[in-house]
Amino acid sequence: QVHLVESGGGLLQPGGSLRLSCAASGFTFNMYAMSWYRQAPGKERELVATINYNGESANYANSVEGRCTITRDNTKNTVYLQINSLKPEDTAVYYCQVIIIIQTYWGQGTQVTVSS
């Protein structure tokens, strides 16, 4: 059974930083790319960042490019997302995602609110 559990959200100040974690289990973590998505109120879920299976390649959405770093620790079966210089528009529920064969799995999400 695939499980993805996000943590690290909360209420943050504009200009601050966040670091989210996603602990994975139930599959061979080091064989699959991992992604972070987010969904703001009233908006569609959007891709934030993707990292390949060994952490050597990553891609970012334009909205976070230059402020965001996705990393992974294959010894801990965990993927991380760091966003710096937070903006109110970063407010969203952040989700971890993996695609295994043709099946897409999601975590339950973690709320991030950026407000002064």
Protein backbone atom coordinates (compact mmCIF):
# COMPACT_ATOMS: atom_id res chain seq x y z
CA GLN A 1 0.00 0.00 0.00
CA VAL A 2 1.48 3.31 -1.12
CA HIS A 3 1.48 6.02 1.53
CA LEU A 4 2.61 9.60 1.19
CA VAL A 5 2.54 11.78 4.31
CA GLU A 6 3.30 15.48 4.05
CA SER A 7 4.37 17.66 6.96
CA GLY A 8 5.82 21.07 7.65
CA GLY A 9 3.04 23.45 6.71
CA GLY A 10 1.64 26.25 8.82
CA LEU A 11 1.23 30.01 9.04
CA LEU A 12 4.24 31.84 7.65
CA GLN A 13 5.23 35.46 7.14
CA PRO A 14 5.77 37.00 3.69
CA GLY A 15 9.45 36.91 2.86
CA GLY A 16 10.00 33.87 5.02
CA SER A 17 10.84 30.31 4.08
CA LEU A 18 9.15 26.95 4.30
CA ARG A 19 10.42 23.41 4.16
CA LEU A 20 7.95 20.66 3.56
CA SER A 21 8.62 16.95 3.91
CA CYS A 22 6.90 13.98 2.33
CA ALA A 23 7.55 10.57 3.84
CA ALA A 24 6.87 7.74 1.41
CA SER A 25 6.26 4.05 2.00
CA GLY A 26 4.83 1.03 0.24
CA PHE A 27 6.94 1.22 -2.91
CA THR A 28 10.59 1.26 -3.99
CA PHE A 29 11.16 4.96 -3.44
CA ASN A 30 14.50 5.24 -5.25
CA MET A 31 13.00 4.05 -8.52
CA TYR A 32 10.46 6.85 -9.04
CA ALA A 33 10.33 10.54 -9.71
CA MET A 34 8.48 12.53 -7.07
CA SER A 35 6.50 15.73 -7.41
CA TRP A 36 5.01 18.48 -5.30
CA TYR A 37 1.73 20.09 -6.29
CA ARG A 38 -0.31 22.81 -4.67
CA GLN A 39 -3.91 23.94 -4.77
CA ALA A 40 -4.97 27.41 -3.76
CA PRO A 41 -8.57 28.19 -2.80
CA GLY A 42 -10.77 28.34 -5.88
CA LYS A 43 -7.96 27.29 -8.20
CA GLU A 44 -6.90 24.11 -9.92
CA ARG A 45 -4.11 21.98 -8.52
CA GLU A 46 -0.81 22.98 -10.10
CA LEU A 47 2.58 21.32 -10.39
CA VAL A 48 5.25 23.05 -8.30
CA ALA A 49 8.32 20.87 -8.76
CA THR A 50 9.48 17.41 -9.83
CA ILE A 51 12.66 15.56 -8.98
CA ASN A 52 13.93 12.50 -10.78
CA TYR A 53 14.54 9.13 -9.14
CA ASN A 54 18.11 9.80 -7.98
CA GLY A 55 17.83 13.50 -7.26
CA GLU A 56 20.11 14.61 -10.07
CA SER A 57 17.47 16.48 -12.06
CA ALA A 58 14.62 18.76 -11.08
CA ASN A 59 12.07 20.99 -12.76
CA TYR A 60 10.12 23.91 -11.37
CA ALA A 61 7.00 25.89 -12.16
CA ASN A 62 7.60 29.42 -13.38
CA SER A 63 5.78 30.74 -10.32
CA VAL A 64 8.47 29.38 -7.97
CA GLU A 65 11.54 29.29 -10.24
CA GLY A 66 14.52 30.77 -8.43
CA ARG A 67 12.81 30.55 -5.02
CA CYS A 68 12.25 26.84 -4.77
CA THR A 69 14.36 23.73 -4.26
CA ILE A 70 13.14 20.15 -4.36
CA THR A 71 15.43 17.50 -2.92
CA ARG A 72 15.18 13.89 -1.84
CA ASP A 73 16.87 11.53 0.57
CA ASN A 74 16.58 8.01 -0.77
CA THR A 75 17.97 6.60 2.47
CA LYS A 76 14.99 8.07 4.32
CA ASN A 77 12.35 7.63 1.59
CA THR A 78 11.59 11.32 1.90
CA VAL A 79 11.23 14.19 -0.55
CA TYR A 80 11.50 17.82 0.50
CA LEU A 81 10.33 21.15 -0.85
CA GLN A 82 11.87 24.44 0.21
CA ILE A 83 10.44 27.76 -0.91
CA ASN A 84 12.14 31.02 0.00
CA SER A 85 10.92 34.62 -0.24
CA LEU A 86 7.37 33.50 0.42
CA LYS A 87 4.51 35.46 -1.08
CA PRO A 88 0.83 35.50 -0.13
CA GLU A 89 0.12 33.78 -3.44
CA ASP A 90 2.10 30.76 -2.18
CA THR A 91 -0.85 30.09 0.14
CA ALA A 92 -2.23 26.67 -0.77
CA VAL A 93 -2.53 23.07 0.26
CA TYR A 94 0.67 21.34 -0.81
CA TYR A 95 0.55 17.73 -1.99
CA CYS A 96 3.18 15.10 -2.62
CA GLN A 97 2.64 12.88 -5.66
CA VAL A 98 4.10 9.78 -7.27
CA ILE A 99 3.09 7.95 -10.44
CA ILE A 100 3.72 4.23 -10.40
CA ILE A 101 3.06 2.56 -13.76
CA ILE A 102 -0.31 4.16 -14.59
CA GLN A 103 -1.50 4.82 -11.06
CA THR A 104 -1.20 8.24 -9.44
CA TYR A 105 -0.89 8.48 -5.68
CA TRP A 106 -1.35 11.58 -3.53
CA GLY A 107 -0.70 12.46 0.05
CA GLN A 108 -3.35 14.09 2.22
CA GLY A 109 -1.78 17.52 1.81
CA THR A 110 -0.42 20.11 4.20
CA GLN A 111 -1.78 23.64 4.48
CA VAL A 112 0.59 26.55 3.95
CA THR A 113 -0.70 30.04 4.68
CA VAL A 114 1.45 33.08 3.95
CA SER A 115 0.12 36.14 5.71
CA SER A 116 1.27 38.99 7.90
